[in-house]
Amino acid sequence: MSFTPPLPPVFIGENYHIWVVKMKTYLQAHDLGNVIENDIKPPPLRANPTIAQMMRHSEECSKKNKAMSCLQNRVSDVIFTRIMACDLPKQAWEKLKEEFMGSDKTRQQQVINIRRDFENLKMKEFDTIKQYPDRIMATVNSIRLIGEDFSKGRVVEKVITTLPEKFE
């Protein structure tokens, strides 16, 4: 019995950060993740290749087309028109990233703003013991979705140091 991962959602221009995580996992499951991140051509076949070597080479050569097909088919028609001129999957991937995540400078500003929100989080009087950590994790996950690391230790420290005395 073989496993076929479910298709990632069609990207319509919203929640890019979530779509990209699901799409990366999908491409990796199909051994296509490397094609998106690197634009490396497979080495040419040596003289007198075996049938197995020819098949492997053909498979490696077709990965770019497979990855491009996956990308093109998991975006809406409106988004497709933005990447249809791209020849390589890495090029299409980078175009989407730049358009929907912004430049490195924009992303850095987003991280700064979300980190500030994190630092300013405090448990509200009406928050339950479950709601407050959920709010903290929502903020932390926003930082992680932008591609920044955020340690578990920092999250635990935040919860412990900002809980009201009645919960200690």
C-alpha atoms as a PDB file:
ATOM      1  CA  MET A   1       0.000   0.000   0.000  1.00  0.00           C
ATOM      2  CA  SER A   2       1.506   3.349  -1.009  1.00  0.00           C
ATOM      3  CA  PHE A   3       0.891   6.675   0.659  1.00  0.00           C
ATOM      4  CA  THR A   4      -0.275   9.604  -1.432  1.00  0.00           C
ATOM      5  CA  PRO A   5      -0.298  12.827   0.547  1.00  0.00           C
ATOM      6  CA  PRO A   6      -3.428  14.947   0.214  1.00  0.00           C
ATOM      7  CA  LEU A   7      -3.160  17.924  -2.107  1.00  0.00           C
ATOM      8  CA  PRO A   8      -2.298  21.221  -0.461  1.00  0.00           C
ATOM      9  CA  PRO A   9      -5.018  23.864  -0.678  1.00  0.00           C
ATOM     10  CA  VAL A  10      -5.237  26.106  -3.712  1.00  0.00           C
ATOM     11  CA  PHE A  11      -3.546  29.410  -2.916  1.00  0.00           C
ATOM     12  CA  ILE A  12      -5.903  32.292  -3.665  1.00  0.00           C
ATOM     13  CA  GLY A  13      -3.795  35.123  -2.289  1.00  0.00           C
ATOM     14  CA  GLU A  14      -4.610  34.737   1.413  1.00  0.00           C
ATOM     15  CA  ASN A  15      -2.703  32.984   4.210  1.00  0.00           C
ATOM     16  CA  TYR A  16       0.439  32.572   2.126  1.00  0.00           C
ATOM     17  CA  HIS A  17       2.472  31.627   5.212  1.00  0.00           C
ATOM     18  CA  ILE A  18       0.249  28.623   5.875  1.00  0.00           C
ATOM     19  CA  TRP A  19       0.006  27.580   2.219  1.00  0.00           C
ATOM     20  CA  VAL A  20       3.782  27.649   1.787  1.00  0.00           C
ATOM     21  CA  VAL A  21       4.335  25.303   4.747  1.00  0.00           C
ATOM     22  CA  LYS A  22       1.771  22.830   3.373  1.00  0.00           C
ATOM     23  CA  MET A  23       3.166  23.135  -0.155  1.00  0.00           C
ATOM     24  CA  LYS A  24       6.764  22.533   0.997  1.00  0.00           C
ATOM     25  CA  THR A  25       5.682  19.385   2.825  1.00  0.00           C
ATOM     26  CA  TYR A  26       3.751  18.180  -0.220  1.00  0.00           C
ATOM     27  CA  LEU A  27       6.720  18.765  -2.539  1.00  0.00           C
ATOM     28  CA  GLN A  28       9.096  17.034  -0.122  1.00  0.00           C
ATOM     29  CA  ALA A  29       6.748  14.046   0.073  1.00  0.00           C
ATOM     30  CA  HIS A  30       7.089  13.763  -3.704  1.00  0.00           C
ATOM     31  CA  ASP A  31      10.878  14.245  -3.598  1.00  0.00           C
ATOM     32  CA  LEU A  32      10.540  17.652  -5.278  1.00  0.00           C
ATOM     33  CA  GLY A  33      11.460  19.990  -2.421  1.00  0.00           C
ATOM     34  CA  ASN A  34      15.060  20.323  -3.537  1.00  0.00           C
ATOM     35  CA  VAL A  35      13.969  21.432  -7.025  1.00  0.00           C
ATOM     36  CA  ILE A  36      12.135  24.449  -5.580  1.00  0.00           C
ATOM     37  CA  GLU A  37      15.041  25.547  -3.417  1.00  0.00           C
ATOM     38  CA  ASN A  38      17.895  24.882  -5.853  1.00  0.00           C
ATOM     39  CA  ASP A  39      18.185  25.304  -9.576  1.00  0.00           C
ATOM     40  CA  ILE A  40      20.549  22.396 -10.136  1.00  0.00           C
ATOM     41  CA  LYS A  41      20.563  20.396 -13.337  1.00  0.00           C
ATOM     42  CA  PRO A  42      21.281  16.686 -13.052  1.00  0.00           C
ATOM     43  CA  PRO A  43      24.745  15.760 -14.345  1.00  0.00           C
ATOM     44  CA  PRO A  44      24.826  14.430 -17.907  1.00  0.00           C
ATOM     45  CA  LEU A  45      24.812  10.699 -18.470  1.00  0.00           C
ATOM     46  CA  ARG A  46      28.178   9.002 -18.863  1.00  0.00           C
ATOM     47  CA  ALA A  47      29.067   7.075 -21.971  1.00  0.00           C
ATOM     48  CA  ASN A  48      27.297   3.699 -22.243  1.00  0.00           C
ATOM     49  CA  PRO A  49      24.830   4.177 -19.357  1.00  0.00           C
ATOM     50  CA  THR A  50      22.843   1.282 -18.012  1.00  0.00           C
ATOM     51  CA  ILE A  51      19.076   1.237 -18.385  1.00  0.00           C
ATOM     52  CA  ALA A  52      18.762   1.937 -14.646  1.00  0.00           C
ATOM     53  CA  GLN A  53      21.047   4.979 -14.982  1.00  0.00           C
ATOM     54  CA  MET A  54      19.054   6.266 -17.955  1.00  0.00           C
ATOM     55  CA  MET A  55      15.794   5.849 -16.045  1.00  0.00           C
ATOM     56  CA  ARG A  56      17.191   7.614 -12.959  1.00  0.00           C
ATOM     57  CA  HIS A  57      18.527  10.453 -15.131  1.00  0.00           C
ATOM     58  CA  SER A  58      15.188  10.813 -16.901  1.00  0.00           C
ATOM     59  CA  GLU A  59      13.432  10.877 -13.527  1.00  0.00           C
ATOM     60  CA  GLU A  60      15.786  13.583 -12.230  1.00  0.00           C
ATOM     61  CA  CYS A  61      15.285  15.658 -15.397  1.00  0.00           C
ATOM     62  CA  SER A  62      11.502  15.480 -15.096  1.00  0.00           C
ATOM     63  CA  LYS A  63      11.466  16.757 -11.480  1.00  0.00           C
ATOM     64  CA  LYS A  64      11.445  20.417 -12.548  1.00  0.00           C
ATOM     65  CA  ASN A  65       8.390  19.853 -14.725  1.00  0.00           C
ATOM     66  CA  LYS A  66       6.659  17.928 -11.947  1.00  0.00           C
ATOM     67  CA  ALA A  67       7.409  20.660  -9.399  1.00  0.00           C
ATOM     68  CA  MET A  68       6.236  23.368 -11.802  1.00  0.00           C
ATOM     69  CA  SER A  69       3.041  21.420 -12.429  1.00  0.00           C
ATOM     70  CA  CYS A  70       2.426  21.114  -8.679  1.00  0.00           C
ATOM     71  CA  LEU A  71       2.920  24.854  -8.202  1.00  0.00           C
ATOM     72  CA  GLN A  72       0.781  25.880 -11.146  1.00  0.00           C
ATOM     73  CA  ASN A  73      -2.050  23.591 -10.108  1.00  0.00           C
ATOM     74  CA  ARG A  74      -2.116  24.659  -6.456  1.00  0.00           C
ATOM     75  CA  VAL A  75      -2.676  28.352  -7.149  1.00  0.00           C
ATOM     76  CA  SER A  76      -5.836  30.102  -8.342  1.00  0.00           C
ATOM     77  CA  ASP A  77      -6.046  31.359 -11.922  1.00  0.00           C
ATOM     78  CA  VAL A  78      -5.431  34.921 -10.729  1.00  0.00           C
ATOM     79  CA  ILE A  79      -2.221  33.880  -8.953  1.00  0.00           C
ATOM     80  CA  PHE A  80      -1.237  31.632 -11.883  1.00  0.00           C
ATOM     81  CA  THR A  81      -1.092  34.633 -14.219  1.00  0.00           C
ATOM     82  CA  ARG A  82       1.656  36.062 -11.986  1.00  0.00           C
ATOM     83  CA  ILE A  83       3.898  33.008 -12.372  1.00  0.00           C
ATOM     84  CA  MET A  84       2.971  31.726 -15.836  1.00  0.00           C
ATOM     85  CA  ALA A  85       5.977  33.439 -17.458  1.00  0.00           C
ATOM     86  CA  CYS A  86       8.373  31.677 -15.062  1.00  0.00           C
ATOM     87  CA  ASP A  87      10.379  28.908 -16.715  1.00  0.00           C
ATOM     88  CA  LEU A  88      11.686  27.255 -13.567  1.00  0.00           C
ATOM     89  CA  PRO A  89       9.911  26.177 -10.367  1.00  0.00           C
ATOM     90  CA  LYS A  90      12.500  28.007  -8.227  1.00  0.00           C
ATOM     91  CA  GLN A  91      11.761  31.199 -10.168  1.00  0.00           C
ATOM     92  CA  ALA A  92       7.982  30.814  -9.626  1.00  0.00           C
ATOM     93  CA  TRP A  93       8.502  29.957  -5.934  1.00  0.00           C
ATOM     94  CA  GLU A  94      10.675  33.055  -5.397  1.00  0.00           C
ATOM     95  CA  LYS A  95       8.193  35.282  -7.250  1.00  0.00           C
ATOM     96  CA  LEU A  96       5.359  34.135  -4.980  1.00  0.00           C
ATOM     97  CA  LYS A  97       7.542  34.538  -1.911  1.00  0.00           C
ATOM     98  CA  GLU A  98       8.552  38.073  -2.828  1.00  0.00           C
ATOM     99  CA  GLU A  99       5.017  39.135  -3.667  1.00  0.00           C
ATOM    100  CA  PHE A 100       3.229  37.613  -0.683  1.00  0.00           C
ATOM    101  CA  MET A 101       5.894  37.761   2.016  1.00  0.00           C
ATOM    102  CA  GLY A 102       7.476  41.014   0.896  1.00  0.00           C
ATOM    103  CA  SER A 103      11.135  41.892   0.783  1.00  0.00           C
ATOM    104  CA  ASP A 104      13.604  40.881   3.483  1.00  0.00           C
ATOM    105  CA  LYS A 105      13.295  44.397   4.909  1.00  0.00           C
ATOM    106  CA  THR A 106       9.489  44.130   5.046  1.00  0.00           C
ATOM    107  CA  ARG A 107       9.682  40.715   6.728  1.00  0.00           C
ATOM    108  CA  GLN A 108      12.181  42.052   9.293  1.00  0.00           C
ATOM    109  CA  GLN A 109       9.758  44.861  10.126  1.00  0.00           C
ATOM    110  CA  GLN A 110       6.929  42.335  10.488  1.00  0.00           C
ATOM    111  CA  VAL A 111       9.076  40.256  12.866  1.00  0.00           C
ATOM    112  CA  ILE A 112       9.938  43.360  14.916  1.00  0.00           C
ATOM    113  CA  ASN A 113       6.259  44.291  15.190  1.00  0.00           C
ATOM    114  CA  ILE A 114       5.156  40.785  16.181  1.00  0.00           C
ATOM    115  CA  ARG A 115       8.024  40.450  18.694  1.00  0.00           C
ATOM    116  CA  ARG A 116       6.899  43.748  20.233  1.00  0.00           C
ATOM    117  CA  ASP A 117       3.371  42.331  20.483  1.00  0.00           C
ATOM    118  CA  PHE A 118       4.850  39.240  22.163  1.00  0.00           C
ATOM    119  CA  GLU A 119       6.798  41.323  24.690  1.00  0.00           C
ATOM    120  CA  ASN A 120       3.691  43.357  25.520  1.00  0.00           C
ATOM    121  CA  LEU A 121       1.426  40.337  26.072  1.00  0.00           C
ATOM    122  CA  LYS A 122       0.000  40.064  29.561  1.00  0.00           C
ATOM    123  CA  MET A 123      -2.746  37.890  30.940  1.00  0.00           C
ATOM    124  CA  LYS A 124      -6.023  39.796  31.041  1.00  0.00           C
ATOM    125  CA  GLU A 125      -8.384  39.539  33.983  1.00  0.00           C
ATOM    126  CA  PHE A 126     -10.990  37.691  31.942  1.00  0.00           C
ATOM    127  CA  ASP A 127      -8.474  35.278  30.306  1.00  0.00           C
ATOM    128  CA  THR A 128      -8.690  31.661  31.378  1.00  0.00           C
ATOM    129  CA  ILE A 129      -5.547  29.666  32.067  1.00  0.00           C
ATOM    130  CA  LYS A 130      -6.060  28.066  28.627  1.00  0.00           C
ATOM    131  CA  GLN A 131      -6.749  31.268  26.662  1.00  0.00           C
ATOM    132  CA  TYR A 132      -3.594  33.116  27.681  1.00  0.00           C
ATOM    133  CA  PRO A 133      -1.070  30.511  26.456  1.00  0.00           C
ATOM    134  CA  ASP A 134      -3.173  30.201  23.287  1.00  0.00           C
ATOM    135  CA  ARG A 135      -2.755  33.947  22.668  1.00  0.00           C
ATOM    136  CA  ILE A 136       0.980  33.648  23.288  1.00  0.00           C
ATOM    137  CA  MET A 137       1.271  30.703  20.872  1.00  0.00           C
ATOM    138  CA  ALA A 138      -0.734  32.533  18.192  1.00  0.00           C
ATOM    139  CA  THR A 139       1.809  35.358  18.343  1.00  0.00           C
ATOM    140  CA  VAL A 140       4.784  32.966  18.393  1.00  0.00           C
ATOM    141  CA  ASN A 141       3.368  31.008  15.442  1.00  0.00           C
ATOM    142  CA  SER A 142       3.019  34.259  13.492  1.00  0.00           C
ATOM    143  CA  ILE A 143       6.746  34.833  14.005  1.00  0.00           C
ATOM    144  CA  ARG A 144       7.575  31.255  13.025  1.00  0.00           C
ATOM    145  CA  LEU A 145       5.409  31.427   9.884  1.00  0.00           C
ATOM    146  CA  ILE A 146       7.471  34.392   8.681  1.00  0.00           C
ATOM    147  CA  GLY A 147      10.465  32.090   8.950  1.00  0.00           C
ATOM    148  CA  GLU A 148      12.043  33.238  12.196  1.00  0.00           C
ATOM    149  CA  ASP A 149      13.094  30.904  14.997  1.00  0.00           C
ATOM    150  CA  PHE A 150      11.526  31.323  18.396  1.00  0.00           C
ATOM    151  CA  SER A 151      12.640  29.060  21.210  1.00  0.00           C
ATOM    152  CA  LYS A 152      10.273  27.026  23.351  1.00  0.00           C
ATOM    153  CA  GLY A 153      12.216  28.204  26.371  1.00  0.00           C
ATOM    154  CA  ARG A 154      11.351  31.826  25.597  1.00  0.00           C
ATOM    155  CA  VAL A 155       7.653  30.895  25.370  1.00  0.00           C
ATOM    156  CA  VAL A 156       7.725  29.045  28.713  1.00  0.00           C
ATOM    157  CA  GLU A 157       9.572  31.967  30.304  1.00  0.00           C
ATOM    158  CA  LYS A 158       6.920  34.375  29.018  1.00  0.00           C
ATOM    159  CA  VAL A 159       4.067  32.303  30.465  1.00  0.00           C
ATOM    160  CA  ILE A 160       5.756  31.843  33.837  1.00  0.00           C
ATOM    161  CA  THR A 161       6.845  35.465  34.260  1.00  0.00           C
ATOM    162  CA  THR A 162       3.546  37.042  33.223  1.00  0.00           C
ATOM    163  CA  LEU A 163       0.997  34.837  34.974  1.00  0.00           C
ATOM    164  CA  PRO A 164      -0.841  36.633  37.782  1.00  0.00           C
ATOM    165  CA  GLU A 165       0.024  35.529  41.322  1.00  0.00           C
ATOM    166  CA  LYS A 166      -3.292  33.704  41.760  1.00  0.00           C
ATOM    167  CA  PHE A 167      -2.075  31.084  39.224  1.00  0.00           C
ATOM    168  CA  GLU A 168       1.340  30.550  40.785  1.00  0.00           C
END
